[in-house]
């Protein structure tokens, strides 16, 4: 039995295999980072949209002012119906504000 020598062909195939694996790994990492960045950008855009469209936060204050005027200007059943409706709307707005805040706070703030 003798020594047949060193096979360069097999080494080239193995070398190509590892180069391909490294290239695929780098592509996978790049794709994962791009997806994370896209998701983060979409989150920031959506969060900004919600913050700017979150105009309901001042409604309870306005309702309080209106309720005070109703108490001074109206009486009887109309007064009670308006007070009940404004009170119910104020509670709903507060709940919506809390839900929007919880939703926004459920996302991580950094990348």
N, C-alpha and C. Protein backbone atom coordinates (compact mmCIF):
# COMPACT_ATOMS: atom_id res chain seq x y z
N UNK A 1 0.83 -1.17 0.00
CA UNK A 1 0.00 0.00 0.00
C UNK A 1 0.87 1.23 0.00
N UNK A 2 0.54 2.07 -0.87
CA UNK A 2 1.34 3.27 -0.95
C UNK A 2 0.49 4.51 -0.74
N UNK A 3 1.15 5.58 -0.63
CA UNK A 3 0.50 6.88 -0.43
C UNK A 3 0.06 7.39 -1.79
N UNK A 4 -1.26 7.68 -1.90
CA UNK A 4 -1.79 8.13 -3.20
C UNK A 4 -1.64 9.63 -3.39
N UNK A 5 -1.29 10.35 -2.36
CA UNK A 5 -1.11 11.78 -2.49
C UNK A 5 -2.29 12.56 -1.92
N UNK A 6 -2.17 13.81 -1.98
CA UNK A 6 -3.15 14.74 -1.41
C UNK A 6 -4.14 15.14 -2.50
N UNK A 7 -5.43 15.01 -2.24
CA UNK A 7 -6.43 15.30 -3.25
C UNK A 7 -6.88 16.75 -3.15
N UNK A 8 -6.53 17.53 -4.11
CA UNK A 8 -6.98 18.93 -4.15
C UNK A 8 -8.44 19.05 -4.55
N UNK A 9 -8.94 18.11 -5.31
CA UNK A 9 -10.30 18.17 -5.80
C UNK A 9 -11.27 18.11 -4.63
N UNK A 10 -11.08 17.16 -3.74
CA UNK A 10 -11.94 17.03 -2.58
C UNK A 10 -11.87 18.27 -1.70
N UNK A 11 -10.69 18.83 -1.54
CA UNK A 11 -10.53 20.03 -0.72
C UNK A 11 -11.27 21.22 -1.32
N UNK A 12 -11.24 21.33 -2.63
CA UNK A 12 -11.95 22.43 -3.28
C UNK A 12 -13.45 22.29 -3.09
N UNK A 13 -13.96 21.07 -3.20
CA UNK A 13 -15.39 20.85 -3.00
C UNK A 13 -15.78 21.18 -1.56
N UNK A 14 -14.96 20.74 -0.61
CA UNK A 14 -15.23 21.02 0.80
C UNK A 14 -15.13 22.52 1.07
N UNK A 15 -14.14 23.16 0.50
CA UNK A 15 -13.96 24.59 0.66
C UNK A 15 -15.15 25.35 0.07
N UNK A 16 -15.61 24.94 -1.10
CA UNK A 16 -16.78 25.56 -1.71
C UNK A 16 -18.02 25.37 -0.85
N UNK A 17 -18.15 24.16 -0.28
CA UNK A 17 -19.29 23.88 0.60
C UNK A 17 -19.31 24.86 1.77
N UNK A 18 -18.18 25.05 2.43
CA UNK A 18 -18.14 25.95 3.60
C UNK A 18 -18.31 27.41 3.20
N UNK A 19 -17.78 27.78 2.07
CA UNK A 19 -18.01 29.14 1.58
C UNK A 19 -19.50 29.38 1.33
N UNK A 20 -20.16 28.38 0.73
CA UNK A 20 -21.59 28.49 0.48
C UNK A 20 -22.37 28.56 1.80
N UNK A 21 -21.97 27.76 2.78
CA UNK A 21 -22.64 27.78 4.09
C UNK A 21 -22.46 29.14 4.76
N UNK A 22 -21.27 29.71 4.66
CA UNK A 22 -21.02 31.03 5.26
C UNK A 22 -21.83 32.10 4.54
N UNK A 23 -21.93 31.99 3.22
CA UNK A 23 -22.71 32.95 2.44
C UNK A 23 -24.19 32.86 2.82
N UNK A 24 -24.70 31.65 2.95
CA UNK A 24 -26.10 31.46 3.35
C UNK A 24 -26.34 31.99 4.76
N UNK A 25 -25.38 31.73 5.66
CA UNK A 25 -25.51 32.24 7.03
C UNK A 25 -25.54 33.76 7.07
N UNK A 26 -24.67 34.37 6.27
CA UNK A 26 -24.64 35.84 6.23
C UNK A 26 -25.93 36.38 5.63
N UNK A 27 -26.45 35.72 4.61
CA UNK A 27 -27.73 36.15 4.02
C UNK A 27 -28.86 36.02 5.02
N UNK A 28 -28.84 34.92 5.78
CA UNK A 28 -29.88 34.70 6.78
C UNK A 28 -29.83 35.78 7.85
N UNK A 29 -28.65 36.10 8.35
CA UNK A 29 -28.51 37.16 9.35
C UNK A 29 -28.95 38.51 8.80
N UNK A 30 -28.57 38.78 7.56
CA UNK A 30 -28.95 40.04 6.93
C UNK A 30 -30.48 40.13 6.77
N UNK A 31 -31.09 39.03 6.36
CA UNK A 31 -32.54 39.00 6.21
C UNK A 31 -33.24 39.18 7.56
N UNK A 32 -32.75 38.51 8.60
CA UNK A 32 -33.33 38.65 9.94
C UNK A 32 -33.23 40.09 10.43
N UNK A 33 -32.09 40.72 10.21
CA UNK A 33 -31.91 42.11 10.62
C UNK A 33 -32.83 43.04 9.84
N UNK A 34 -32.97 42.77 8.54
CA UNK A 34 -33.86 43.59 7.71
C UNK A 34 -35.31 43.45 8.17
N UNK A 35 -35.72 42.23 8.50
CA UNK A 35 -37.09 42.00 8.97
C UNK A 35 -37.31 42.71 10.30
N UNK A 36 -36.35 42.60 11.21
CA UNK A 36 -36.46 43.29 12.50
C UNK A 36 -36.57 44.80 12.31
N UNK A 37 -35.74 45.34 11.42
CA UNK A 37 -35.78 46.77 11.14
C UNK A 37 -37.11 47.19 10.52
N UNK A 38 -37.60 46.36 9.60
CA UNK A 38 -38.90 46.68 8.96
C UNK A 38 -40.02 46.64 9.99
N UNK A 39 -40.00 45.65 10.86
CA UNK A 39 -41.03 45.56 11.90
C UNK A 39 -40.94 46.75 12.84
N UNK A 40 -39.73 47.11 13.22
CA UNK A 40 -39.55 48.24 14.12
C UNK A 40 -40.03 49.54 13.45
N UNK A 41 -39.68 49.71 12.18
CA UNK A 41 -40.13 50.92 11.46
C UNK A 41 -41.65 50.97 11.36
N UNK A 42 -42.26 49.82 11.08
CA UNK A 42 -43.72 49.77 11.01
C UNK A 42 -44.34 50.06 12.38
N UNK A 43 -43.72 49.53 13.44
CA UNK A 43 -44.20 49.81 14.80
C UNK A 43 -44.13 51.30 15.10
N UNK A 44 -42.99 51.92 14.81
CA UNK A 44 -42.83 53.36 15.09
C UNK A 44 -43.84 54.18 14.29
N UNK A 45 -44.05 53.83 13.03
CA UNK A 45 -45.02 54.53 12.21
C UNK A 45 -46.42 54.39 12.79
N UNK A 46 -46.79 53.16 13.18
CA UNK A 46 -48.11 52.91 13.74
C UNK A 46 -48.27 53.59 15.10
N UNK A 47 -47.23 53.52 15.93
CA UNK A 47 -47.29 54.16 17.24
C UNK A 47 -47.43 55.67 17.09
N UNK A 48 -46.70 56.26 16.16
CA UNK A 48 -46.80 57.69 15.91
C UNK A 48 -48.20 58.05 15.42
N UNK A 49 -48.72 57.22 14.53
CA UNK A 49 -50.09 57.44 14.04
C UNK A 49 -51.08 57.42 15.20
N UNK A 50 -50.96 56.41 16.07
CA UNK A 50 -51.88 56.31 17.20
C UNK A 50 -51.72 57.48 18.15
N UNK A 51 -50.49 57.90 18.39
CA UNK A 51 -50.28 59.02 19.31
C UNK A 51 -50.90 60.30 18.75
N UNK A 52 -50.75 60.51 17.44
CA UNK A 52 -51.30 61.72 16.83
C UNK A 52 -52.81 61.64 16.64
N UNK A 53 -53.33 60.44 16.46
CA UNK A 53 -54.77 60.31 16.31
C UNK A 53 -55.44 60.05 17.66
N UNK A 54 -54.65 60.08 18.68
CA UNK A 54 -55.12 59.80 20.05
C UNK A 54 -55.76 61.06 20.63
N UNK A 55 -56.70 61.63 19.86
CA UNK A 55 -57.33 62.89 20.24
C UNK A 55 -58.41 62.69 21.28
N UNK A 56 -58.62 61.46 21.70
CA UNK A 56 -59.68 61.19 22.67
C UNK A 56 -59.27 61.55 24.09
N UNK A 57 -58.00 61.78 24.31
CA UNK A 57 -57.53 62.00 25.68
C UNK A 57 -58.08 63.27 26.31
N UNK A 58 -58.41 64.26 25.51
CA UNK A 58 -58.95 65.51 26.07
C UNK A 58 -60.47 65.51 26.16
N UNK A 59 -61.11 64.53 25.59
CA UNK A 59 -62.58 64.50 25.59
C UNK A 59 -63.15 64.47 27.00
N UNK A 60 -62.65 63.66 27.94
CA UNK A 60 -63.22 63.69 29.29
C UNK A 60 -63.19 65.07 29.93
N UNK A 61 -62.15 65.85 29.67
CA UNK A 61 -62.07 67.20 30.22
C UNK A 61 -63.16 68.09 29.61
N UNK A 62 -63.35 67.97 28.31
CA UNK A 62 -64.39 68.74 27.63
C UNK A 62 -65.76 68.30 28.14
N UNK A 63 -65.95 67.01 28.33
CA UNK A 63 -67.23 66.50 28.83
C UNK A 63 -67.52 67.04 30.22
N UNK A 64 -66.51 67.18 31.04
CA UNK A 64 -66.71 67.73 32.38
C UNK A 64 -67.22 69.16 32.30
N UNK A 65 -66.63 69.95 31.41
CA UNK A 65 -67.09 71.32 31.22
C UNK A 65 -68.55 71.35 30.73
N UNK A 66 -68.86 70.48 29.78
CA UNK A 66 -70.23 70.42 29.25
C UNK A 66 -71.20 69.98 30.34
N UNK A 67 -70.80 69.01 31.15
CA UNK A 67 -71.66 68.55 32.24
C UNK A 67 -71.97 69.68 33.22
N UNK A 68 -70.98 70.49 33.51
CA UNK A 68 -71.20 71.64 34.39
C UNK A 68 -72.22 72.60 33.78
N UNK A 69 -72.12 72.83 32.49
CA UNK A 69 -73.09 73.71 31.82
C UNK A 69 -74.48 73.10 31.81
N UNK A 70 -74.54 71.77 31.58
CA UNK A 70 -75.84 71.09 31.60
C UNK A 70 -76.50 71.23 32.96
N UNK A 71 -75.72 71.05 34.02
CA UNK A 71 -76.25 71.18 35.38
C UNK A 71 -76.83 72.57 35.63
N UNK A 72 -76.21 73.58 35.03
CA UNK A 72 -76.66 74.96 35.24
C UNK A 72 -77.82 75.35 34.34
N UNK A 73 -77.90 74.76 33.13
CA UNK A 73 -78.87 75.22 32.15
C UNK A 73 -80.13 74.36 32.03
N UNK A 74 -80.04 73.09 32.39
CA UNK A 74 -81.17 72.19 32.19
C UNK A 74 -81.70 71.69 33.53
N UNK A 75 -82.92 71.10 33.46
CA UNK A 75 -83.47 70.45 34.64
C UNK A 75 -84.37 69.30 34.19
N UNK A 76 -84.75 68.47 35.11
CA UNK A 76 -85.68 67.38 34.81
C UNK A 76 -85.04 66.20 34.11
N UNK A 77 -85.87 65.51 33.33
CA UNK A 77 -85.45 64.28 32.66
C UNK A 77 -84.37 64.53 31.61
N UNK A 78 -84.48 65.64 30.90
CA UNK A 78 -83.47 65.95 29.88
C UNK A 78 -82.10 66.10 30.51
N UNK A 79 -82.05 66.77 31.63
CA UNK A 79 -80.78 66.96 32.35
C UNK A 79 -80.21 65.62 32.77
N UNK A 80 -81.04 64.76 33.34
CA UNK A 80 -80.57 63.46 33.81
C UNK A 80 -80.10 62.59 32.64
N UNK A 81 -80.82 62.62 31.51
CA UNK A 81 -80.44 61.83 30.34
C UNK A 81 -79.10 62.31 29.78
N UNK A 82 -78.93 63.63 29.69
CA UNK A 82 -77.67 64.18 29.18
C UNK A 82 -76.51 63.86 30.11
N UNK A 83 -76.73 64.00 31.40
CA UNK A 83 -75.67 63.70 32.37
C UNK A 83 -75.28 62.23 32.27
N UNK A 84 -76.28 61.37 32.20
CA UNK A 84 -76.00 59.93 32.11
C UNK A 84 -75.22 59.60 30.84
N UNK A 85 -75.62 60.21 29.74
CA UNK A 85 -74.95 59.94 28.47
C UNK A 85 -73.51 60.46 28.47
N UNK A 86 -73.31 61.66 28.97
CA UNK A 86 -71.95 62.22 29.02
C UNK A 86 -71.07 61.44 29.99
N UNK A 87 -71.62 61.01 31.09
CA UNK A 87 -70.85 60.23 32.06
C UNK A 87 -70.44 58.89 31.44
N UNK A 88 -71.38 58.25 30.75
CA UNK A 88 -71.09 56.98 30.08
C UNK A 88 -70.01 57.17 29.01
N UNK A 89 -70.13 58.23 28.21
CA UNK A 89 -69.13 58.51 27.18
C UNK A 89 -67.76 58.79 27.78
N UNK A 90 -67.73 59.49 28.89
CA UNK A 90 -66.46 59.80 29.55
C UNK A 90 -65.78 58.51 30.02
N UNK A 91 -66.55 57.62 30.60
CA UNK A 91 -65.99 56.34 31.04
C UNK A 91 -65.47 55.52 29.86
N UNK A 92 -66.21 55.52 28.76
CA UNK A 92 -65.77 54.79 27.57
C UNK A 92 -64.49 55.39 27.00
N UNK A 93 -64.40 56.71 26.96
CA UNK A 93 -63.20 57.37 26.45
C UNK A 93 -61.99 57.06 27.33
N UNK A 94 -62.18 57.07 28.63
CA UNK A 94 -61.07 56.73 29.53
C UNK A 94 -60.61 55.31 29.30
N UNK A 95 -61.56 54.39 29.09
CA UNK A 95 -61.20 53.00 28.83
C UNK A 95 -60.45 52.88 27.51
N UNK A 96 -60.91 53.57 26.48
CA UNK A 96 -60.22 53.55 25.18
C UNK A 96 -58.81 54.11 25.32
N UNK A 97 -58.67 55.22 26.05
CA UNK A 97 -57.35 55.81 26.25
C UNK A 97 -56.42 54.82 26.95
N UNK A 98 -56.93 54.14 27.96
CA UNK A 98 -56.11 53.15 28.67
C UNK A 98 -55.72 52.00 27.76
N UNK A 99 -56.64 51.54 26.94
CA UNK A 99 -56.33 50.45 26.02
C UNK A 99 -55.29 50.85 24.98
N UNK A 100 -55.39 52.07 24.46
CA UNK A 100 -54.39 52.54 23.50
C UNK A 100 -53.03 52.65 24.17
N UNK A 101 -53.00 53.18 25.40
CA UNK A 101 -51.73 53.28 26.13
C UNK A 101 -51.13 51.90 26.39
N UNK A 102 -51.96 50.94 26.80
CA UNK A 102 -51.47 49.57 27.03
C UNK A 102 -50.94 48.96 25.73
N UNK A 103 -51.64 49.20 24.63
CA UNK A 103 -51.20 48.68 23.35
C UNK A 103 -49.84 49.26 22.97
N UNK A 104 -49.71 50.57 23.09
CA UNK A 104 -48.44 51.21 22.73
C UNK A 104 -47.31 50.75 23.64
N UNK A 105 -47.61 50.55 24.90
CA UNK A 105 -46.57 50.13 25.85
C UNK A 105 -46.24 48.65 25.76
N UNK A 106 -47.02 47.88 24.99
CA UNK A 106 -46.75 46.45 24.85
C UNK A 106 -45.60 46.17 23.90
N UNK A 107 -45.16 47.20 23.15
CA UNK A 107 -44.06 47.02 22.21
C UNK A 107 -42.76 47.51 22.84
N UNK A 108 -41.67 46.86 22.48
CA UNK A 108 -40.37 47.37 22.96
C UNK A 108 -40.09 48.73 22.34
N UNK A 109 -39.42 49.57 23.09
CA UNK A 109 -39.16 50.93 22.60
C UNK A 109 -37.89 51.04 21.81
N UNK A 110 -37.01 50.08 21.88
CA UNK A 110 -35.76 50.15 21.14
C UNK A 110 -35.64 49.02 20.15
N UNK A 111 -34.58 49.10 19.36
CA UNK A 111 -34.36 48.04 18.35
C UNK A 111 -33.85 46.79 19.01
